Structures are given as structure tokens and as C-alpha cells.
Amino acid sequence: LVNVKDKYFRSRRAKKFDIQYQLQIKKSIESFNLFVNVFSFLSFLFFAVGTR
């Protein structure tokens, strides 16, 4: 019984960790996308100013 309980809690903890890990990945991907968007916007601005 104790073994089953231990396994259950361990799997729950692993699941929790998994969810946090996925959230962290999602956050980093979003920040990376934001950075790329800002960078492309800035380069577009520089290009527009340079060609004017």
C-alpha cells in the first residue's frame, strides 16, 4: 500500500514538474518570438529611413 502511494505521489510530482517545464518552454519561446518581432520591426524602420 505504501509503495503504491509513493508511486502515485511521485508520478503526480513528475506531472507537476512537467507542466512547469512546459510553461517555462512556452514562456521562453514567446519571449524569443517577441524579440524577433521587435528586431524585424527595427530593421524595417532602419531600412525605411535609409531608403528615404
C-alpha atoms as a PDB file:
ATOM      1  CA  LEU A   1       0.000   0.000   0.000  1.00  0.00           C
ATOM      2  CA  VAL A   2       2.775   2.431   0.955  1.00  0.00           C
ATOM      3  CA  ASN A   3       4.636   1.586  -2.239  1.00  0.00           C
ATOM      4  CA  VAL A   4       1.571   2.335  -4.384  1.00  0.00           C
ATOM      5  CA  LYS A   5       1.017   5.598  -2.522  1.00  0.00           C
ATOM      6  CA  ASP A   6       4.669   6.541  -3.032  1.00  0.00           C
ATOM      7  CA  LYS A   7       4.442   5.793  -6.750  1.00  0.00           C
ATOM      8  CA  TYR A   8       1.242   7.840  -7.012  1.00  0.00           C
ATOM      9  CA  PHE A   9       2.776  10.873  -5.315  1.00  0.00           C
ATOM     10  CA  ARG A  10       5.971  10.549  -7.330  1.00  0.00           C
ATOM     11  CA  SER A  11       4.050  10.448 -10.605  1.00  0.00           C
ATOM     12  CA  ARG A  12       1.985  13.460  -9.517  1.00  0.00           C
ATOM     13  CA  ARG A  13       5.142  15.379  -8.650  1.00  0.00           C
ATOM     14  CA  ALA A  14       6.650  14.428 -12.010  1.00  0.00           C
ATOM     15  CA  LYS A  15       3.500  15.620 -13.764  1.00  0.00           C
ATOM     16  CA  LYS A  16       3.629  18.918 -11.879  1.00  0.00           C
ATOM     17  CA  PHE A  17       7.290  19.352 -12.825  1.00  0.00           C
ATOM     18  CA  ASP A  18       6.426  18.510 -16.443  1.00  0.00           C
ATOM     19  CA  ILE A  19       3.738  21.201 -16.521  1.00  0.00           C
ATOM     20  CA  GLN A  20       6.116  23.789 -15.050  1.00  0.00           C
ATOM     21  CA  TYR A  21       8.778  22.780 -17.581  1.00  0.00           C
ATOM     22  CA  GLN A  22       6.303  23.151 -20.465  1.00  0.00           C
ATOM     23  CA  LEU A  23       5.246  26.575 -19.161  1.00  0.00           C
ATOM     24  CA  GLN A  24       8.897  27.625 -18.962  1.00  0.00           C
ATOM     25  CA  ILE A  25       9.490  26.498 -22.558  1.00  0.00           C
ATOM     26  CA  LYS A  26       6.336  28.310 -23.680  1.00  0.00           C
ATOM     27  CA  LYS A  27       7.479  31.492 -21.926  1.00  0.00           C
ATOM     28  CA  SER A  28      10.958  31.366 -23.453  1.00  0.00           C
ATOM     29  CA  ILE A  29       9.503  30.723 -26.921  1.00  0.00           C
ATOM     30  CA  GLU A  30       7.125  33.667 -26.516  1.00  0.00           C
ATOM     31  CA  SER A  31       9.918  35.986 -25.391  1.00  0.00           C
ATOM     32  CA  PHE A  32      12.066  34.789 -28.303  1.00  0.00           C
ATOM     33  CA  ASN A  33       9.219  35.483 -30.749  1.00  0.00           C
ATOM     34  CA  LEU A  34       8.756  38.927 -29.210  1.00  0.00           C
ATOM     35  CA  PHE A  35      12.472  39.619 -29.611  1.00  0.00           C
ATOM     36  CA  VAL A  36      12.360  38.501 -33.264  1.00  0.00           C
ATOM     37  CA  ASN A  37       9.316  40.696 -33.920  1.00  0.00           C
ATOM     38  CA  VAL A  38      10.946  43.744 -32.339  1.00  0.00           C
ATOM     39  CA  PHE A  39      14.204  43.109 -34.191  1.00  0.00           C
ATOM     40  CA  SER A  40      12.481  42.750 -37.569  1.00  0.00           C
ATOM     41  CA  PHE A  41      10.409  45.872 -36.853  1.00  0.00           C
ATOM     42  CA  LEU A  42      13.559  47.848 -36.001  1.00  0.00           C
ATOM     43  CA  SER A  43      15.413  46.607 -39.073  1.00  0.00           C
ATOM     44  CA  PHE A  44      12.369  47.531 -41.172  1.00  0.00           C
ATOM     45  CA  LEU A  45      12.424  51.032 -39.675  1.00  0.00           C
ATOM     46  CA  PHE A  46      16.149  51.400 -40.353  1.00  0.00           C
ATOM     47  CA  PHE A  47      15.602  50.196 -43.909  1.00  0.00           C
ATOM     48  CA  ALA A  48      12.745  52.665 -44.432  1.00  0.00           C
ATOM     49  CA  VAL A  49      14.810  55.538 -43.001  1.00  0.00           C
ATOM     50  CA  GLY A  50      17.867  54.539 -45.043  1.00  0.00           C
ATOM     51  CA  THR A  51      15.993  54.414 -48.338  1.00  0.00           C
ATOM     52  CA  ARG A  52      14.207  57.710 -47.781  1.00  0.00           C
END
